[in-house]
C-alpha atoms as a PDB file:
ATOM      1  CA  MET A   1     -18.643   5.181   0.820  1.00  0.00           C
ATOM      2  CA  THR A   2     -18.333   4.960  -3.097  1.00  0.00           C
ATOM      3  CA  HIS A   3     -17.640   1.744  -4.219  1.00  0.00           C
ATOM      4  CA  GLU A   4     -16.273   2.737  -7.219  1.00  0.00           C
ATOM      5  CA  TYR A   5     -13.016   3.130  -5.862  1.00  0.00           C
ATOM      6  CA  PHE A   6     -13.330   0.635  -2.828  1.00  0.00           C
ATOM      7  CA  PRO A   7     -10.256  -1.589  -4.297  1.00  0.00           C
ATOM      8  CA  LEU A   8      -7.899   1.181  -3.665  1.00  0.00           C
ATOM      9  CA  ILE A   9      -8.787   1.207  -0.103  1.00  0.00           C
ATOM     10  CA  LEU A  10      -8.112  -2.327   0.098  1.00  0.00           C
ATOM     11  CA  ASP A  11      -4.684  -1.841  -1.381  1.00  0.00           C
ATOM     12  CA  LEU A  12      -4.337   1.410   1.210  1.00  0.00           C
ATOM     13  CA  VAL A  13      -4.575  -1.114   3.817  1.00  0.00           C
ATOM     14  CA  GLU A  14      -3.255  -4.141   2.381  1.00  0.00           C
ATOM     15  CA  TRP A  15       0.124  -1.879   2.128  1.00  0.00           C
ATOM     16  CA  ILE A  16       0.121  -0.418   5.394  1.00  0.00           C
ATOM     17  CA  ASP A  17      -0.779  -3.969   6.879  1.00  0.00           C
ATOM     18  CA  LYS A  18       2.679  -5.084   5.619  1.00  0.00           C
ATOM     19  CA  LYS A  19       4.585  -2.845   8.217  1.00  0.00           C
ATOM     20  CA  PRO A  20       3.563   0.304   9.591  1.00  0.00           C
ATOM     21  CA  ARG A  21       4.128   3.500   7.346  1.00  0.00           C
ATOM     22  CA  ARG A  22       5.710   6.806   8.939  1.00  0.00           C
ATOM     23  CA  TYR A  23       2.736   9.121   8.373  1.00  0.00           C
ATOM     24  CA  SER A  24       4.828  11.271   5.767  1.00  0.00           C
ATOM     25  CA  ASP A  25       5.228   8.248   3.652  1.00  0.00           C
ATOM     26  CA  VAL A  26       1.433   7.289   3.576  1.00  0.00           C
ATOM     27  CA  MET A  27       0.852  11.280   2.768  1.00  0.00           C
ATOM     28  CA  GLU A  28       3.418  11.311  -0.245  1.00  0.00           C
ATOM     29  CA  ALA A  29       2.091   7.792  -1.672  1.00  0.00           C
ATOM     30  CA  TRP A  30      -1.827   8.267  -1.209  1.00  0.00           C
ATOM     31  CA  ARG A  31      -2.917  11.204  -0.493  1.00  0.00           C
ATOM     32  CA  THR A  32      -4.945  13.189  -3.058  1.00  0.00           C
ATOM     33  CA  SER A  33      -6.739  16.214  -3.993  1.00  0.00           C
ATOM     34  CA  CYS A  34      -8.926  15.504  -5.805  1.00  0.00           C
ATOM     35  CA  PRO A  35     -12.783  15.094  -3.890  1.00  0.00           C
ATOM     36  CA  ARG A  36     -13.662  12.565  -6.053  1.00  0.00           C
ATOM     37  CA  LEU A  37     -11.207   9.717  -4.701  1.00  0.00           C
ATOM     38  CA  PRO A  38     -10.334  10.505  -1.030  1.00  0.00           C
ATOM     39  CA  VAL A  39      -8.649   7.075  -0.509  1.00  0.00           C
ATOM     40  CA  TRP A  40      -6.998   8.256   2.304  1.00  0.00           C
ATOM     41  CA  GLU A  41      -9.692  10.138   4.290  1.00  0.00           C
ATOM     42  CA  ASP A  42     -12.398   7.231   3.959  1.00  0.00           C
ATOM     43  CA  ALA A  43      -9.577   4.942   5.065  1.00  0.00           C
ATOM     44  CA  VAL A  44      -9.522   6.952   8.186  1.00  0.00           C
ATOM     45  CA  ASP A  45     -12.793   7.621   8.793  1.00  0.00           C
ATOM     46  CA  THR A  46     -14.241   3.671   8.858  1.00  0.00           C
ATOM     47  CA  GLY A  47     -11.416   3.183  10.749  1.00  0.00           C
ATOM     48  CA  TYR A  48      -9.828   0.954   8.903  1.00  0.00           C
ATOM     49  CA  VAL A  49      -6.277   2.796   9.557  1.00  0.00           C
ATOM     50  CA  VAL A  50      -5.021   5.271  12.310  1.00  0.00           C
ATOM     51  CA  ARG A  51      -2.807   7.225  12.782  1.00  0.00           C
ATOM     52  CA  ARG A  52      -0.348   7.492  16.041  1.00  0.00           C
ATOM     53  CA  HIS A  53       2.538   8.957  17.446  1.00  0.00           C
ATOM     54  CA  THR A  54       5.489   6.760  18.758  1.00  0.00           C
ATOM     55  CA  PRO A  55       8.294   8.294  20.307  1.00  0.00           C
ATOM     56  CA  ASP A  56      11.006   6.607  18.753  1.00  0.00           C
ATOM     57  CA  GLN A  57       9.680   6.717  15.120  1.00  0.00           C
ATOM     58  CA  GLY A  58       6.979   9.821  15.360  1.00  0.00           C
ATOM     59  CA  GLU A  59       3.761   9.569  13.478  1.00  0.00           C
ATOM     60  CA  LEU A  60       2.738   6.261  12.631  1.00  0.00           C
ATOM     61  CA  VAL A  61      -0.078   4.805  10.252  1.00  0.00           C
ATOM     62  CA  THR A  62      -0.839   0.881  11.156  1.00  0.00           C
ATOM     63  CA  ILE A  63      -4.288  -0.929  10.268  1.00  0.00           C
ATOM     64  CA  THR A  64      -6.883  -1.462  13.080  1.00  0.00           C
ATOM     65  CA  ASP A  65      -8.806  -4.168  14.141  1.00  0.00           C
ATOM     66  CA  LYS A  66     -11.409  -3.427  11.459  1.00  0.00           C
ATOM     67  CA  GLY A  67      -9.066  -2.988   9.118  1.00  0.00           C
ATOM     68  CA  ARG A  68      -7.769  -6.660   9.775  1.00  0.00           C
ATOM     69  CA  GLN A  69     -11.605  -7.721   9.813  1.00  0.00           C
ATOM     70  CA  LEU A  70     -11.583  -6.094   5.745  1.00  0.00           C
ATOM     71  CA  LEU A  71      -8.579  -8.079   4.781  1.00  0.00           C
ATOM     72  CA  VAL A  72      -9.611 -11.188   6.267  1.00  0.00           C
ATOM     73  CA  GLN A  73     -12.881 -10.950   4.910  1.00  0.00           C
ATOM     74  CA  TYR A  74     -11.681 -10.111   0.813  1.00  0.00           C
ATOM     75  CA  GLY A  75      -9.031 -12.866   1.429  1.00  0.00           C
ATOM     76  CA  ARG A  76      -6.095  -9.931   1.439  1.00  0.00           C
ATOM     77  CA  ALA A  77      -4.696 -10.643   5.153  1.00  0.00           C
ATOM     78  CA  ASN A  78      -1.380 -10.776   5.656  1.00  0.00           C
ATOM     79  CA  GLU A  79       0.200 -14.278   6.263  1.00  0.00           C
ATOM     80  CA  THR A  80       3.423 -13.530   7.782  1.00  0.00           C
ATOM     81  CA  LEU A  81       1.737 -12.498  10.927  1.00  0.00           C
ATOM     82  CA  PRO A  82       1.671 -14.962  13.774  1.00  0.00           C
ATOM     83  CA  VAL A  83      -1.317 -17.360  14.235  1.00  0.00           C
ATOM     84  CA  SER A  84      -1.913 -15.491  17.621  1.00  0.00           C
ATOM     85  CA  GLN A  85      -2.293 -12.000  15.682  1.00  0.00           C
ATOM     86  CA  ARG A  86      -4.545 -13.085  13.338  1.00  0.00           C
ATOM     87  CA  THR A  87      -8.132 -12.603  13.554  1.00  0.00           C
ATOM     88  CA  PRO A  88     -10.301 -15.702  12.548  1.00  0.00           C
END
């Protein structure tokens, strides 16, 4: 992963951490046709976010445990989560 756009990956993971996002909304906001800036692809490939199908809401994107650990590591974890759901 290229370090020059790592802050954008953090931004994406943090944005999704605030609430699960519809896949179409994520693609509209974050997908890029520039091969030098694959923020969405790298976030998925590194396991920070995942796309899941839900019967009631369709395709949703959520962060993974690895994504949560990344946010904690960089001091960007969502502090509104109950303590029982936070990663130490």
